[in-house]
Amino acid sequence: MLAERAKPGPFESVSHWEITECATPHRQVHVGTMPEMNATLTIELRPADSGTHYTQRMEFTFLPRFRPLGWLLERLVIRRKMESDFKNIVASVKRIVETKKET
């Protein structure tokens, strides 16, 4: 179990994640619970012609206790925000992985 302090949108939150599947170094599945959502994060790495292909996918239910309001907010606001955040995360991972270390 790991805890993460994050700021999804304007709110700061602590989420708790459990790694439910781990096939190092190719695949990890994390299941998270937090006050505002339940989520499953899947990370996959596979060989590609020019290196490694990195995939990160998040499936979530926003405000599961407050349906249909949670569903509406998820569709109108949260999905777009999370897509933007994930693009930034993937770009950062790509930059870190592709940066050559000088020896």
C-alpha atoms as a PDB file:
ATOM      1  CA  MET A   1       0.000   0.000   0.000  1.00  0.00           C
ATOM      2  CA  LEU A   2       1.302   3.448  -0.855  1.00  0.00           C
ATOM      3  CA  ALA A   3      -0.065   6.871  -0.061  1.00  0.00           C
ATOM      4  CA  GLU A   4       0.165   9.802  -2.452  1.00  0.00           C
ATOM      5  CA  ARG A   5      -0.554  13.453  -1.830  1.00  0.00           C
ATOM      6  CA  ALA A   6      -1.833  15.040  -5.038  1.00  0.00           C
ATOM      7  CA  LYS A   7      -3.765  18.030  -6.243  1.00  0.00           C
ATOM      8  CA  PRO A   8      -6.405  16.913  -8.734  1.00  0.00           C
ATOM      9  CA  GLY A   9      -7.776  20.232  -9.924  1.00  0.00           C
ATOM     10  CA  PRO A  10      -8.220  22.809  -7.176  1.00  0.00           C
ATOM     11  CA  PHE A  11      -8.287  20.265  -4.318  1.00  0.00           C
ATOM     12  CA  GLU A  12      -5.438  18.625  -2.439  1.00  0.00           C
ATOM     13  CA  SER A  13      -6.091  15.003  -1.614  1.00  0.00           C
ATOM     14  CA  VAL A  14      -4.390  11.927  -0.167  1.00  0.00           C
ATOM     15  CA  SER A  15      -4.957   8.749  -2.122  1.00  0.00           C
ATOM     16  CA  HIS A  16      -4.095   5.199  -1.147  1.00  0.00           C
ATOM     17  CA  TRP A  17      -2.881   2.810  -3.824  1.00  0.00           C
ATOM     18  CA  GLU A  18      -2.394  -0.940  -3.805  1.00  0.00           C
ATOM     19  CA  ILE A  19      -0.373  -2.698  -6.502  1.00  0.00           C
ATOM     20  CA  THR A  20      -2.645  -5.560  -7.537  1.00  0.00           C
ATOM     21  CA  GLU A  21      -0.612  -6.834 -10.463  1.00  0.00           C
ATOM     22  CA  CYS A  22       3.124  -6.632 -11.099  1.00  0.00           C
ATOM     23  CA  ALA A  23       4.922  -8.271 -14.011  1.00  0.00           C
ATOM     24  CA  THR A  24       8.237  -6.407 -13.764  1.00  0.00           C
ATOM     25  CA  PRO A  25       9.308  -4.670 -15.940  1.00  0.00           C
ATOM     26  CA  HIS A  26       6.361  -4.937 -18.347  1.00  0.00           C
ATOM     27  CA  ARG A  27       3.147  -4.253 -16.457  1.00  0.00           C
ATOM     28  CA  GLN A  28       1.792  -2.858 -13.192  1.00  0.00           C
ATOM     29  CA  VAL A  29      -1.791  -2.351 -12.071  1.00  0.00           C
ATOM     30  CA  HIS A  30      -2.550  -0.021  -9.154  1.00  0.00           C
ATOM     31  CA  VAL A  31      -5.977   0.260  -7.514  1.00  0.00           C
ATOM     32  CA  GLY A  32      -6.578   3.547  -5.731  1.00  0.00           C
ATOM     33  CA  THR A  33      -9.124   4.820  -3.293  1.00  0.00           C
ATOM     34  CA  MET A  34      -9.580   8.436  -2.353  1.00  0.00           C
ATOM     35  CA  PRO A  35     -12.465  10.532  -1.095  1.00  0.00           C
ATOM     36  CA  GLU A  36     -13.489  11.834  -4.524  1.00  0.00           C
ATOM     37  CA  MET A  37     -12.923   8.788  -6.720  1.00  0.00           C
ATOM     38  CA  ASN A  38     -12.022   5.142  -7.115  1.00  0.00           C
ATOM     39  CA  ALA A  39      -9.441   4.406  -9.785  1.00  0.00           C
ATOM     40  CA  THR A  40      -7.398   1.742 -11.523  1.00  0.00           C
ATOM     41  CA  LEU A  41      -4.069   2.781 -13.070  1.00  0.00           C
ATOM     42  CA  THR A  42      -2.414   0.426 -15.560  1.00  0.00           C
ATOM     43  CA  ILE A  43       1.179   1.032 -16.674  1.00  0.00           C
ATOM     44  CA  GLU A  44       2.694  -1.013 -19.485  1.00  0.00           C
ATOM     45  CA  LEU A  45       6.118  -1.042 -21.140  1.00  0.00           C
ATOM     46  CA  ARG A  46       6.852  -2.980 -24.310  1.00  0.00           C
ATOM     47  CA  PRO A  47       9.692  -3.042 -26.807  1.00  0.00           C
ATOM     48  CA  ALA A  48       9.353  -0.772 -29.838  1.00  0.00           C
ATOM     49  CA  ASP A  49      11.483  -0.278 -32.929  1.00  0.00           C
ATOM     50  CA  SER A  50      13.133   2.820 -31.526  1.00  0.00           C
ATOM     51  CA  GLY A  51      13.243   1.861 -27.833  1.00  0.00           C
ATOM     52  CA  THR A  52      10.367   1.316 -25.422  1.00  0.00           C
ATOM     53  CA  HIS A  53       6.652   2.072 -25.767  1.00  0.00           C
ATOM     54  CA  TYR A  54       5.131   3.434 -22.513  1.00  0.00           C
ATOM     55  CA  THR A  55       1.369   3.264 -21.931  1.00  0.00           C
ATOM     56  CA  GLN A  56      -0.475   4.635 -18.920  1.00  0.00           C
ATOM     57  CA  ARG A  57      -4.243   4.202 -18.619  1.00  0.00           C
ATOM     58  CA  MET A  58      -6.541   5.393 -15.839  1.00  0.00           C
ATOM     59  CA  GLU A  59     -10.074   4.121 -15.350  1.00  0.00           C
ATOM     60  CA  PHE A  60     -12.034   5.891 -12.642  1.00  0.00           C
ATOM     61  CA  THR A  61     -15.408   6.678 -11.142  1.00  0.00           C
ATOM     62  CA  PHE A  62     -15.732  10.248  -9.875  1.00  0.00           C
ATOM     63  CA  LEU A  63     -17.833  10.844  -6.755  1.00  0.00           C
ATOM     64  CA  PRO A  64     -19.148   7.258  -6.672  1.00  0.00           C
ATOM     65  CA  ARG A  65     -21.365   8.022  -3.670  1.00  0.00           C
ATOM     66  CA  PHE A  66     -23.067  10.933  -5.424  1.00  0.00           C
ATOM     67  CA  ARG A  67     -24.375   9.493  -8.656  1.00  0.00           C
ATOM     68  CA  PRO A  68     -25.663  10.933 -11.056  1.00  0.00           C
ATOM     69  CA  LEU A  69     -23.924  14.215 -10.054  1.00  0.00           C
ATOM     70  CA  GLY A  70     -20.536  12.464 -10.054  1.00  0.00           C
ATOM     71  CA  TRP A  71     -21.209  11.045 -13.510  1.00  0.00           C
ATOM     72  CA  LEU A  72     -22.143  14.478 -14.853  1.00  0.00           C
ATOM     73  CA  LEU A  73     -19.031  16.193 -13.434  1.00  0.00           C
ATOM     74  CA  GLU A  74     -16.883  13.311 -14.664  1.00  0.00           C
ATOM     75  CA  ARG A  75     -18.158  13.742 -18.226  1.00  0.00           C
ATOM     76  CA  LEU A  76     -18.144  17.565 -18.315  1.00  0.00           C
ATOM     77  CA  VAL A  77     -14.962  18.469 -16.426  1.00  0.00           C
ATOM     78  CA  ILE A  78     -12.887  15.758 -14.797  1.00  0.00           C
ATOM     79  CA  ARG A  79     -12.077  13.593 -17.825  1.00  0.00           C
ATOM     80  CA  ARG A  80     -10.646  16.566 -19.749  1.00  0.00           C
ATOM     81  CA  LYS A  81      -8.585  17.673 -16.754  1.00  0.00           C
ATOM     82  CA  MET A  82      -7.213  14.177 -16.198  1.00  0.00           C
ATOM     83  CA  GLU A  83      -6.379  13.753 -19.887  1.00  0.00           C
ATOM     84  CA  SER A  84      -4.397  17.000 -19.759  1.00  0.00           C
ATOM     85  CA  ASP A  85      -2.619  15.937 -16.553  1.00  0.00           C
ATOM     86  CA  PHE A  86      -1.756  12.534 -18.010  1.00  0.00           C
ATOM     87  CA  LYS A  87      -0.325  14.066 -21.184  1.00  0.00           C
ATOM     88  CA  ASN A  88       1.969  16.165 -18.980  1.00  0.00           C
ATOM     89  CA  ILE A  89       2.961  13.135 -16.895  1.00  0.00           C
ATOM     90  CA  VAL A  90       3.746  11.033 -19.964  1.00  0.00           C
ATOM     91  CA  ALA A  91       5.772  13.901 -21.498  1.00  0.00           C
ATOM     92  CA  SER A  92       7.762  14.195 -18.254  1.00  0.00           C
ATOM     93  CA  VAL A  93       8.411  10.444 -18.115  1.00  0.00           C
ATOM     94  CA  LYS A  94       9.496  10.508 -21.772  1.00  0.00           C
ATOM     95  CA  ARG A  95      11.884  13.403 -21.136  1.00  0.00           C
ATOM     96  CA  ILE A  96      13.416  11.690 -18.089  1.00  0.00           C
ATOM     97  CA  VAL A  97      13.801   8.326 -19.830  1.00  0.00           C
ATOM     98  CA  GLU A  98      15.289   9.815 -22.977  1.00  0.00           C
ATOM     99  CA  THR A  99      17.731  12.144 -21.238  1.00  0.00           C
ATOM    100  CA  LYS A 100      21.237  10.815 -21.685  1.00  0.00           C
ATOM    101  CA  LYS A 101      23.279  10.767 -18.521  1.00  0.00           C
ATOM    102  CA  GLU A 102      26.775  12.099 -18.877  1.00  0.00           C
ATOM    103  CA  THR A 103      29.471   9.925 -17.357  1.00  0.00           C
END
